[in-house]
Amino acid sequence: MTQQSAYLVLSDLTLSAVQAEATRAYLLHGDHSMLGVAVTESDRLAILAEEVGEVAKELNEDRLGNLDPYDWRDRRVKELIQVAAMALSWVEALEGRRP
């Protein structure tokens, strides 16, 4: 079990997963990523909305019984990590922190 400070509500494992996903997305998309200088705020919203849409799709597929009952949790976690990574990358872009 991972020990945490009483003041931290997110585990190091979750934060590391978000960091890894943000890095992966940046390396994959570069200037067209959330951190890209040529990317507009509208583009960033579209990227984030797409990721949220993927969570909604997973939930809908689960509701319809179209997902393997053994991997729905991992798929949902993966999509939610992507949402978090894109949201936090947007914050980094707004703050002017880019690689």
PDB file of N, CA and C in Angstrom:
ATOM      1  N   MET A   1       0.845  -1.175   0.000  1.00  0.00           N
ATOM      2  CA  MET A   1       0.000   0.000   0.000  1.00  0.00           C
ATOM      3  C   MET A   1       0.894   1.243   0.000  1.00  0.00           C
ATOM      4  N   THR A   2       0.533   2.220  -0.789  1.00  0.00           N
ATOM      5  CA  THR A   2       1.302   3.454  -0.895  1.00  0.00           C
ATOM      6  C   THR A   2       0.916   4.410   0.218  1.00  0.00           C
ATOM      7  N   GLN A   3       1.911   4.912   0.944  1.00  0.00           N
ATOM      8  CA  GLN A   3       1.629   5.897   1.973  1.00  0.00           C
ATOM      9  C   GLN A   3       1.473   7.259   1.334  1.00  0.00           C
ATOM     10  N   GLN A   4       0.545   8.047   1.865  1.00  0.00           N
ATOM     11  CA  GLN A   4       0.304   9.375   1.348  1.00  0.00           C
ATOM     12  C   GLN A   4       0.242  10.359   2.508  1.00  0.00           C
ATOM     13  N   SER A   5       0.557  11.585   2.178  1.00  0.00           N
ATOM     14  CA  SER A   5       0.369  12.654   3.142  1.00  0.00           C
ATOM     15  C   SER A   5      -1.124  12.827   3.371  1.00  0.00           C
ATOM     16  N   ALA A   6      -1.489  13.272   4.550  1.00  0.00           N
ATOM     17  CA  ALA A   6      -2.897  13.517   4.847  1.00  0.00           C
ATOM     18  C   ALA A   6      -3.467  14.628   3.971  1.00  0.00           C
ATOM     19  N   TYR A   7      -2.604  15.401   3.326  1.00  0.00           N
ATOM     20  CA  TYR A   7      -3.056  16.528   2.519  1.00  0.00           C
ATOM     21  C   TYR A   7      -3.173  16.197   1.032  1.00  0.00           C
ATOM     22  N   LEU A   8      -2.726  15.014   0.631  1.00  0.00           N
ATOM     23  CA  LEU A   8      -2.800  14.631  -0.772  1.00  0.00           C
ATOM     24  C   LEU A   8      -3.965  13.669  -0.968  1.00  0.00           C
ATOM     25  N   VAL A   9      -4.813  13.984  -1.941  1.00  0.00           N
ATOM     26  CA  VAL A   9      -5.956  13.114  -2.184  1.00  0.00           C
ATOM     27  C   VAL A   9      -5.774  12.244  -3.420  1.00  0.00           C
ATOM     28  N   LEU A  10      -4.765  12.531  -4.237  1.00  0.00           N
ATOM     29  CA  LEU A  10      -4.476  11.723  -5.417  1.00  0.00           C
ATOM     30  C   LEU A  10      -3.196  10.933  -5.175  1.00  0.00           C
ATOM     31  N   SER A  11      -3.237   9.677  -5.531  1.00  0.00           N
ATOM     32  CA  SER A  11      -2.064   8.830  -5.311  1.00  0.00           C
ATOM     33  C   SER A  11      -0.955   9.185  -6.284  1.00  0.00           C
ATOM     34  N   ASP A  12       0.258   8.853  -5.889  1.00  0.00           N
ATOM     35  CA  ASP A  12       1.402   9.030  -6.775  1.00  0.00           C
ATOM     36  C   ASP A  12       1.226   8.207  -8.047  1.00  0.00           C
ATOM     37  N   LEU A  13       0.595   7.054  -7.929  1.00  0.00           N
ATOM     38  CA  LEU A  13       0.373   6.200  -9.089  1.00  0.00           C
ATOM     39  C   LEU A  13      -0.536   6.894 -10.114  1.00  0.00           C
ATOM     40  N   THR A  14      -1.612   7.518  -9.637  1.00  0.00           N
ATOM     41  CA  THR A  14      -2.515   8.237 -10.535  1.00  0.00           C
ATOM     42  C   THR A  14      -1.820   9.437 -11.150  1.00  0.00           C
ATOM     43  N   LEU A  15      -1.121  10.213 -10.341  1.00  0.00           N
ATOM     44  CA  LEU A  15      -0.422  11.387 -10.862  1.00  0.00           C
ATOM     45  C   LEU A  15       0.645  10.995 -11.872  1.00  0.00           C
ATOM     46  N   SER A  16       1.338   9.907 -11.619  1.00  0.00           N
ATOM     47  CA  SER A  16       2.357   9.427 -12.557  1.00  0.00           C
ATOM     48  C   SER A  16       1.723   8.982 -13.871  1.00  0.00           C
ATOM     49  N   ALA A  17       0.570   8.354 -13.788  1.00  0.00           N
ATOM     50  CA  ALA A  17      -0.127   7.921 -15.005  1.00  0.00           C
ATOM     51  C   ALA A  17      -0.569   9.116 -15.840  1.00  0.00           C
ATOM     52  N   VAL A  18      -1.041  10.172 -15.180  1.00  0.00           N
ATOM     53  CA  VAL A  18      -1.448  11.385 -15.885  1.00  0.00           C
ATOM     54  C   VAL A  18      -0.223  12.031 -16.542  1.00  0.00           C
ATOM     55  N   GLN A  19       0.881  12.116 -15.815  1.00  0.00           N
ATOM     56  CA  GLN A  19       2.116  12.687 -16.371  1.00  0.00           C
ATOM     57  C   GLN A  19       2.591  11.883 -17.576  1.00  0.00           C
ATOM     58  N   ALA A  20       2.560  10.574 -17.469  1.00  0.00           N
ATOM     59  CA  ALA A  20       2.996   9.717 -18.572  1.00  0.00           C
ATOM     60  C   ALA A  20       2.111   9.912 -19.800  1.00  0.00           C
ATOM     61  N   GLU A  21       0.810  10.025 -19.599  1.00  0.00           N
ATOM     62  CA  GLU A  21      -0.101  10.227 -20.726  1.00  0.00           C
ATOM     63  C   GLU A  21       0.094  11.592 -21.363  1.00  0.00           C
ATOM     64  N   ALA A  22       0.283  12.626 -20.555  1.00  0.00           N
ATOM     65  CA  ALA A  22       0.520  13.963 -21.100  1.00  0.00           C
ATOM     66  C   ALA A  22       1.807  13.976 -21.925  1.00  0.00           C
ATOM     67  N   THR A  23       2.831  13.311 -21.426  1.00  0.00           N
ATOM     68  CA  THR A  23       4.102  13.227 -22.145  1.00  0.00           C
ATOM     69  C   THR A  23       3.934  12.446 -23.442  1.00  0.00           C
ATOM     70  N   ARG A  24       3.245  11.322 -23.380  1.00  0.00           N
ATOM     71  CA  ARG A  24       3.006  10.499 -24.566  1.00  0.00           C
ATOM     72  C   ARG A  24       2.281  11.313 -25.637  1.00  0.00           C
ATOM     73  N   ALA A  25       1.232  12.030 -25.233  1.00  0.00           N
ATOM     74  CA  ALA A  25       0.452  12.826 -26.187  1.00  0.00           C
ATOM     75  C   ALA A  25       1.302  13.931 -26.805  1.00  0.00           C
ATOM     76  N   TYR A  26       2.130  14.570 -25.980  1.00  0.00           N
ATOM     77  CA  TYR A  26       2.993  15.627 -26.511  1.00  0.00           C
ATOM     78  C   TYR A  26       4.001  15.058 -27.505  1.00  0.00           C
ATOM     79  N   LEU A  27       4.624  13.942 -27.166  1.00  0.00           N
ATOM     80  CA  LEU A  27       5.614  13.336 -28.057  1.00  0.00           C
ATOM     81  C   LEU A  27       4.966  12.850 -29.352  1.00  0.00           C
ATOM     82  N   LEU A  28       3.727  12.399 -29.269  1.00  0.00           N
ATOM     83  CA  LEU A  28       3.022  11.913 -30.446  1.00  0.00           C
ATOM     84  C   LEU A  28       2.565  13.056 -31.357  1.00  0.00           C
ATOM     85  N   HIS A  29       2.057  14.140 -30.748  1.00  0.00           N
ATOM     86  CA  HIS A  29       1.425  15.211 -31.526  1.00  0.00           C
ATOM     87  C   HIS A  29       2.230  16.505 -31.616  1.00  0.00           C
ATOM     88  N   GLY A  30       3.233  16.677 -30.773  1.00  0.00           N
ATOM     89  CA  GLY A  30       4.105  17.851 -30.843  1.00  0.00           C
ATOM     90  C   GLY A  30       3.363  19.174 -30.886  1.00  0.00           C
ATOM     91  N   ASP A  31       3.598  19.959 -31.945  1.00  0.00           N
ATOM     92  CA  ASP A  31       2.977  21.281 -32.058  1.00  0.00           C
ATOM     93  C   ASP A  31       1.460  21.233 -32.192  1.00  0.00           C
ATOM     94  N   HIS A  32       0.898  20.053 -32.434  1.00  0.00           N
ATOM     95  CA  HIS A  32      -0.554  19.902 -32.537  1.00  0.00           C
ATOM     96  C   HIS A  32      -1.153  19.341 -31.252  1.00  0.00           C
ATOM     97  N   SER A  33      -0.335  19.267 -30.207  1.00  0.00           N
ATOM     98  CA  SER A  33      -0.809  18.775 -28.916  1.00  0.00           C
ATOM     99  C   SER A  33      -1.370  19.928 -28.098  1.00  0.00           C
ATOM    100  N   MET A  34      -1.873  19.624 -26.931  1.00  0.00           N
ATOM    101  CA  MET A  34      -2.391  20.659 -26.030  1.00  0.00           C
ATOM    102  C   MET A  34      -1.324  21.711 -25.723  1.00  0.00           C
ATOM    103  N   LEU A  35      -0.078  21.330 -25.747  1.00  0.00           N
ATOM    104  CA  LEU A  35       1.012  22.243 -25.426  1.00  0.00           C
ATOM    105  C   LEU A  35       1.576  22.954 -26.645  1.00  0.00           C
ATOM    106  N   GLY A  36       1.054  22.644 -27.824  1.00  0.00           N
ATOM    107  CA  GLY A  36       1.558  23.242 -29.049  1.00  0.00           C
ATOM    108  C   GLY A  36       1.277  24.735 -29.128  1.00  0.00           C
ATOM    109  N   VAL A  37       2.251  25.481 -29.605  1.00  0.00           N
ATOM    110  CA  VAL A  37       2.091  26.940 -29.689  1.00  0.00           C
ATOM    111  C   VAL A  37       1.094  27.343 -30.764  1.00  0.00           C
ATOM    112  N   ALA A  38       0.877  26.485 -31.767  1.00  0.00           N
ATOM    113  CA  ALA A  38      -0.045  26.817 -32.850  1.00  0.00           C
ATOM    114  C   ALA A  38      -1.482  26.400 -32.544  1.00  0.00           C
ATOM    115  N   VAL A  39      -1.691  25.752 -31.420  1.00  0.00           N
ATOM    116  CA  VAL A  39      -3.008  25.240 -31.062  1.00  0.00           C
ATOM    117  C   VAL A  39      -3.822  26.345 -30.393  1.00  0.00           C
ATOM    118  N   THR A  40      -5.048  26.549 -30.864  1.00  0.00           N
ATOM    119  CA  THR A  40      -5.922  27.587 -30.311  1.00  0.00           C
ATOM    120  C   THR A  40      -6.695  27.059 -29.108  1.00  0.00           C
ATOM    121  N   GLU A  41      -7.315  27.958 -28.397  1.00  0.00           N
ATOM    122  CA  GLU A  41      -8.166  27.550 -27.274  1.00  0.00           C
ATOM    123  C   GLU A  41      -9.323  26.692 -27.771  1.00  0.00           C
ATOM    124  N   SER A  42      -9.862  27.002 -28.940  1.00  0.00           N
ATOM    125  CA  SER A  42     -10.931  26.175 -29.519  1.00  0.00           C
ATOM    126  C   SER A  42     -10.426  24.770 -29.825  1.00  0.00           C
ATOM    127  N   ASP A  43      -9.202  24.680 -30.329  1.00  0.00           N
ATOM    128  CA  ASP A  43      -8.597  23.371 -30.581  1.00  0.00           C
ATOM    129  C   ASP A  43      -8.459  22.593 -29.280  1.00  0.00           C
ATOM    130  N   ARG A  44      -8.011  23.276 -28.246  1.00  0.00           N
ATOM    131  CA  ARG A  44      -7.823  22.602 -26.945  1.00  0.00           C
ATOM    132  C   ARG A  44      -9.157  22.094 -26.401  1.00  0.00           C
ATOM    133  N   LEU A  45     -10.189  22.901 -26.543  1.00  0.00           N
ATOM    134  CA  LEU A  45     -11.517  22.460 -26.092  1.00  0.00           C
ATOM    135  C   LEU A  45     -11.955  21.228 -26.884  1.00  0.00           C
ATOM    136  N   ALA A  46     -11.725  21.226 -28.176  1.00  0.00           N
ATOM    137  CA  ALA A  46     -12.100  20.076 -29.011  1.00  0.00           C
ATOM    138  C   ALA A  46     -11.343  18.826 -28.586  1.00  0.00           C
ATOM    139  N   ILE A  47     -10.054  18.970 -28.283  1.00  0.00           N
ATOM    140  CA  ILE A  47      -9.252  17.822 -27.828  1.00  0.00           C
ATOM    141  C   ILE A  47      -9.808  17.283 -26.518  1.00  0.00           C
ATOM    142  N   LEU A  48     -10.065  18.174 -25.572  1.00  0.00           N
ATOM    143  CA  LEU A  48     -10.594  17.741 -24.278  1.00  0.00           C
ATOM    144  C   LEU A  48     -11.981  17.118 -24.432  1.00  0.00           C
ATOM    145  N   ALA A  49     -12.837  17.742 -25.238  1.00  0.00           N
ATOM    146  CA  ALA A  49     -14.185  17.211 -25.450  1.00  0.00           C
ATOM    147  C   ALA A  49     -14.141  15.825 -26.087  1.00  0.00           C
ATOM    148  N   GLU A  50     -13.186  15.616 -27.000  1.00  0.00           N
ATOM    149  CA  GLU A  50     -13.054  14.293 -27.608  1.00  0.00           C
ATOM    150  C   GLU A  50     -12.730  13.247 -26.545  1.00  0.00           C
ATOM    151  N   GLU A  51     -11.830  13.597 -25.637  1.00  0.00           N
ATOM    152  CA  GLU A  51     -11.474  12.642 -24.579  1.00  0.00           C
ATOM    153  C   GLU A  51     -12.660  12.371 -23.646  1.00  0.00           C
ATOM    154  N   VAL A  52     -13.396  13.409 -23.293  1.00  0.00           N
ATOM    155  CA  VAL A  52     -14.588  13.220 -22.457  1.00  0.00           C
ATOM    156  C   VAL A  52     -15.607  12.365 -23.211  1.00  0.00           C
ATOM    157  N   GLY A  53     -15.732  12.599 -24.519  1.00  0.00           N
ATOM    158  CA  GLY A  53     -16.628  11.797 -25.336  1.00  0.00           C
ATOM    159  C   GLY A  53     -16.267  10.326 -25.337  1.00  0.00           C
ATOM    160  N   GLU A  54     -14.982  10.043 -25.281  1.00  0.00           N
ATOM    161  CA  GLU A  54     -14.551   8.645 -25.230  1.00  0.00           C
ATOM    162  C   GLU A  54     -14.950   7.988 -23.908  1.00  0.00           C
ATOM    163  N   VAL A  55     -14.947   8.761 -22.826  1.00  0.00           N
ATOM    164  CA  VAL A  55     -15.437   8.229 -21.552  1.00  0.00           C
ATOM    165  C   VAL A  55     -16.933   7.937 -21.676  1.00  0.00           C
ATOM    166  N   ALA A  56     -17.674   8.871 -22.259  1.00  0.00           N
ATOM    167  CA  ALA A  56     -19.115   8.678 -22.444  1.00  0.00           C
ATOM    168  C   ALA A  56     -19.398   7.451 -23.313  1.00  0.00           C
ATOM    169  N   LYS A  57     -18.603   7.274 -24.358  1.00  0.00           N
ATOM    170  CA  LYS A  57     -18.770   6.106 -25.235  1.00  0.00           C
ATOM    171  C   LYS A  57     -18.550   4.819 -24.457  1.00  0.00           C
ATOM    172  N   GLU A  58     -17.518   4.793 -23.637  1.00  0.00           N
ATOM    173  CA  GLU A  58     -17.250   3.607 -22.814  1.00  0.00           C
ATOM    174  C   GLU A  58     -18.424   3.306 -21.886  1.00  0.00           C
ATOM    175  N   LEU A  59     -18.952   4.344 -21.260  1.00  0.00           N
ATOM    176  CA  LEU A  59     -20.087   4.150 -20.349  1.00  0.00           C
ATOM    177  C   LEU A  59     -21.306   3.627 -21.099  1.00  0.00           C
ATOM    178  N   ASN A  60     -21.549   4.173 -22.281  1.00  0.00           N
ATOM    179  CA  ASN A  60     -22.686   3.737 -23.086  1.00  0.00           C
ATOM    180  C   ASN A  60     -22.513   2.292 -23.537  1.00  0.00           C
ATOM    181  N   GLU A  61     -21.316   1.949 -23.995  1.00  0.00           N
ATOM    182  CA  GLU A  61     -21.056   0.573 -24.411  1.00  0.00           C
ATOM    183  C   GLU A  61     -21.226  -0.393 -23.242  1.00  0.00           C
ATOM    184  N   ASP A  62     -20.801   0.029 -22.064  1.00  0.00           N
ATOM    185  CA  ASP A  62     -20.961  -0.794 -20.870  1.00  0.00           C
ATOM    186  C   ASP A  62     -22.445  -0.972 -20.554  1.00  0.00           C
ATOM    187  N   ARG A  63     -23.188   0.123 -20.630  1.00  0.00           N
ATOM    188  CA  ARG A  63     -24.628   0.067 -20.347  1.00  0.00           C
ATOM    189  C   ARG A  63     -25.346  -0.882 -21.300  1.00  0.00           C
ATOM    190  N   LEU A  64     -24.901  -0.911 -22.546  1.00  0.00           N
ATOM    191  CA  LEU A  64     -25.510  -1.777 -23.550  1.00  0.00           C
ATOM    192  C   LEU A  64     -25.012  -3.219 -23.483  1.00  0.00           C
ATOM    193  N   GLY A  65     -24.035  -3.451 -22.614  1.00  0.00           N
ATOM    194  CA  GLY A  65     -23.503  -4.799 -22.474  1.00  0.00           C
ATOM    195  C   GLY A  65     -22.538  -5.191 -23.577  1.00  0.00           C
ATOM    196  N   ASN A  66     -21.955  -4.203 -24.235  1.00  0.00           N
ATOM    197  CA  ASN A  66     -21.053  -4.478 -25.354  1.00  0.00           C
ATOM    198  C   ASN A  66     -19.587  -4.576 -24.959  1.00  0.00           C
ATOM    199  N   LEU A  67     -19.278  -4.445 -23.683  1.00  0.00           N
ATOM    200  CA  LEU A  67     -17.888  -4.507 -23.251  1.00  0.00           C
ATOM    201  C   LEU A  67     -17.611  -5.819 -22.546  1.00  0.00           C
ATOM    202  N   ASP A  68     -16.390  -6.280 -22.688  1.00  0.00           N
ATOM    203  CA  ASP A  68     -15.936  -7.456 -21.967  1.00  0.00           C
ATOM    204  C   ASP A  68     -15.988  -7.119 -20.476  1.00  0.00           C
ATOM    205  N   PRO A  69     -16.704  -7.904 -19.700  1.00  0.00           N
ATOM    206  CA  PRO A  69     -16.830  -7.580 -18.276  1.00  0.00           C
ATOM    207  C   PRO A  69     -15.507  -7.606 -17.520  1.00  0.00           C
ATOM    208  N   TYR A  70     -14.465  -8.165 -18.129  1.00  0.00           N
ATOM    209  CA  TYR A  70     -13.185  -8.260 -17.452  1.00  0.00           C
ATOM    210  C   TYR A  70     -12.255  -7.093 -17.716  1.00  0.00           C
ATOM    211  N   ASP A  71     -12.557  -6.258 -18.721  1.00  0.00           N
ATOM    212  CA  ASP A  71     -11.633  -5.158 -18.980  1.00  0.00           C
ATOM    213  C   ASP A  71     -12.289  -3.781 -18.967  1.00  0.00           C
ATOM    214  N   TRP A  72     -13.564  -3.687 -18.607  1.00  0.00           N
ATOM    215  CA  TRP A  72     -14.237  -2.392 -18.612  1.00  0.00           C
ATOM    216  C   TRP A  72     -13.566  -1.413 -17.659  1.00  0.00           C
ATOM    217  N   ARG A  73     -13.126  -1.869 -16.504  1.00  0.00           N
ATOM    218  CA  ARG A  73     -12.507  -0.973 -15.523  1.00  0.00           C
ATOM    219  C   ARG A  73     -11.214  -0.387 -16.073  1.00  0.00           C
ATOM    220  N   ASP A  74     -10.355  -1.222 -16.631  1.00  0.00           N
ATOM    221  CA  ASP A  74      -9.088  -0.741 -17.182  1.00  0.00           C
ATOM    222  C   ASP A  74      -9.314   0.243 -18.328  1.00  0.00           C
ATOM    223  N   ARG A  75     -10.303  -0.037 -19.167  1.00  0.00           N
ATOM    224  CA  ARG A  75     -10.610   0.863 -20.277  1.00  0.00           C
ATOM    225  C   ARG A  75     -11.101   2.207 -19.766  1.00  0.00           C
ATOM    226  N   ARG A  76     -11.945   2.193 -18.742  1.00  0.00           N
ATOM    227  CA  ARG A  76     -12.468   3.434 -18.178  1.00  0.00           C
ATOM    228  C   ARG A  76     -11.351   4.234 -17.514  1.00  0.00           C
ATOM    229  N   VAL A  77     -10.506   3.569 -16.769  1.00  0.00           N
ATOM    230  CA  VAL A  77      -9.368   4.250 -16.133  1.00  0.00           C
ATOM    231  C   VAL A  77      -8.481   4.896 -17.198  1.00  0.00           C
ATOM    232  N   LYS A  78      -8.191   4.165 -18.269  1.00  0.00           N
ATOM    233  CA  LYS A  78      -7.354   4.693 -19.350  1.00  0.00           C
ATOM    234  C   LYS A  78      -7.961   5.972 -19.925  1.00  0.00           C
ATOM    235  N   GLU A  79      -9.251   5.962 -20.198  1.00  0.00           N
ATOM    236  CA  GLU A  79      -9.912   7.137 -20.774  1.00  0.00           C
ATOM    237  C   GLU A  79      -9.927   8.312 -19.793  1.00  0.00           C
ATOM    238  N   LEU A  80     -10.168   8.033 -18.525  1.00  0.00           N
ATOM    239  CA  LEU A  80     -10.194   9.108 -17.527  1.00  0.00           C
ATOM    240  C   LEU A  80      -8.804   9.703 -17.311  1.00  0.00           C
ATOM    241  N   ILE A  81      -7.777   8.885 -17.383  1.00  0.00           N
ATOM    242  CA  ILE A  81      -6.402   9.388 -17.307  1.00  0.00           C
ATOM    243  C   ILE A  81      -6.138  10.323 -18.486  1.00  0.00           C
ATOM    244  N   GLN A  82      -6.637   9.961 -19.671  1.00  0.00           N
ATOM    245  CA  GLN A  82      -6.464  10.820 -20.837  1.00  0.00           C
ATOM    246  C   GLN A  82      -7.177  12.155 -20.653  1.00  0.00           C
ATOM    247  N   VAL A  83      -8.373  12.143 -20.087  1.00  0.00           N
ATOM    248  CA  VAL A  83      -9.094  13.393 -19.809  1.00  0.00           C
ATOM    249  C   VAL A  83      -8.269  14.262 -18.863  1.00  0.00           C
ATOM    250  N   ALA A  84      -7.795  13.672 -17.787  1.00  0.00           N
ATOM    251  CA  ALA A  84      -7.010  14.423 -16.806  1.00  0.00           C
ATOM    252  C   ALA A  84      -5.739  14.983 -17.431  1.00  0.00           C
ATOM    253  N   ALA A  85      -5.069  14.176 -18.251  1.00  0.00           N
ATOM    254  CA  ALA A  85      -3.827  14.620 -18.887  1.00  0.00           C
ATOM    255  C   ALA A  85      -4.075  15.802 -19.813  1.00  0.00           C
ATOM    256  N   MET A  86      -5.156  15.758 -20.568  1.00  0.00           N
ATOM    257  CA  MET A  86      -5.442  16.862 -21.491  1.00  0.00           C
ATOM    258  C   MET A  86      -5.865  18.115 -20.723  1.00  0.00           C
ATOM    259  N   ALA A  87      -6.653  17.951 -19.676  1.00  0.00           N
ATOM    260  CA  ALA A  87      -7.063  19.112 -18.882  1.00  0.00           C
ATOM    261  C   ALA A  87      -5.854  19.773 -18.230  1.00  0.00           C
ATOM    262  N   LEU A  88      -4.968  18.985 -17.661  1.00  0.00           N
ATOM    263  CA  LEU A  88      -3.792  19.560 -17.000  1.00  0.00           C
ATOM    264  C   LEU A  88      -2.788  20.111 -18.004  1.00  0.00           C
ATOM    265  N   SER A  89      -2.697  19.504 -19.185  1.00  0.00           N
ATOM    266  CA  SER A  89      -1.835  20.067 -20.226  1.00  0.00           C
ATOM    267  C   SER A  89      -2.354  21.427 -20.671  1.00  0.00           C
ATOM    268  N   TRP A  90      -3.657  21.594 -20.700  1.00  0.00           N
ATOM    269  CA  TRP A  90      -4.251  22.885 -21.051  1.00  0.00           C
ATOM    270  C   TRP A  90      -3.855  23.927 -20.007  1.00  0.00           C
ATOM    271  N   VAL A  91      -3.911  23.550 -18.750  1.00  0.00           N
ATOM    272  CA  VAL A  91      -3.475  24.453 -17.684  1.00  0.00           C
ATOM    273  C   VAL A  91      -2.009  24.848 -17.903  1.00  0.00           C
ATOM    274  N   GLU A  92      -1.169  23.876 -18.200  1.00  0.00           N
ATOM    275  CA  GLU A  92       0.246  24.160 -18.448  1.00  0.00           C
ATOM    276  C   GLU A  92       0.403  25.139 -19.612  1.00  0.00           C
ATOM    277  N   ALA A  93      -0.360  24.951 -20.671  1.00  0.00           N
ATOM    278  CA  ALA A  93      -0.288  25.856 -21.815  1.00  0.00           C
ATOM    279  C   ALA A  93      -0.725  27.266 -21.423  1.00  0.00           C
ATOM    280  N   LEU A  94      -1.778  27.389 -20.649  1.00  0.00           N
ATOM    281  CA  LEU A  94      -2.252  28.693 -20.198  1.00  0.00           C
ATOM    282  C   LEU A  94      -1.211  29.404 -19.328  1.00  0.00           C
ATOM    283  N   GLU A  95      -0.485  28.623 -18.559  1.00  0.00           N
ATOM    284  CA  GLU A  95       0.536  29.178 -17.669  1.00  0.00           C
ATOM    285  C   GLU A  95       1.853  29.419 -18.388  1.00  0.00           C
ATOM    286  N   GLY A  96       1.891  29.059 -19.684  1.00  0.00           N
ATOM    287  CA  GLY A  96       3.106  29.283 -20.460  1.00  0.00           C
ATOM    288  C   GLY A  96       4.196  28.267 -20.227  1.00  0.00           C
ATOM    289  N   ARG A  97       3.845  27.145 -19.616  1.00  0.00           N
ATOM    290  CA  ARG A  97       4.836  26.097 -19.353  1.00  0.00           C
ATOM    291  C   ARG A  97       4.748  25.059 -20.455  1.00  0.00           C
ATOM    292  N   ARG A  98       5.748  25.089 -21.311  1.00  0.00           N
ATOM    293  CA  ARG A  98       5.802  24.144 -22.423  1.00  0.00           C
ATOM    294  C   ARG A  98       7.169  23.488 -22.439  1.00  0.00           C
ATOM    295  N   PRO A  99       7.246  22.264 -22.964  1.00  0.00           N
ATOM    296  CA  PRO A  99       8.551  21.596 -23.043  1.00  0.00           C
ATOM    297  C   PRO A  99       9.524  22.348 -23.913  1.00  0.00           C
TER     298      PRO A  99
END
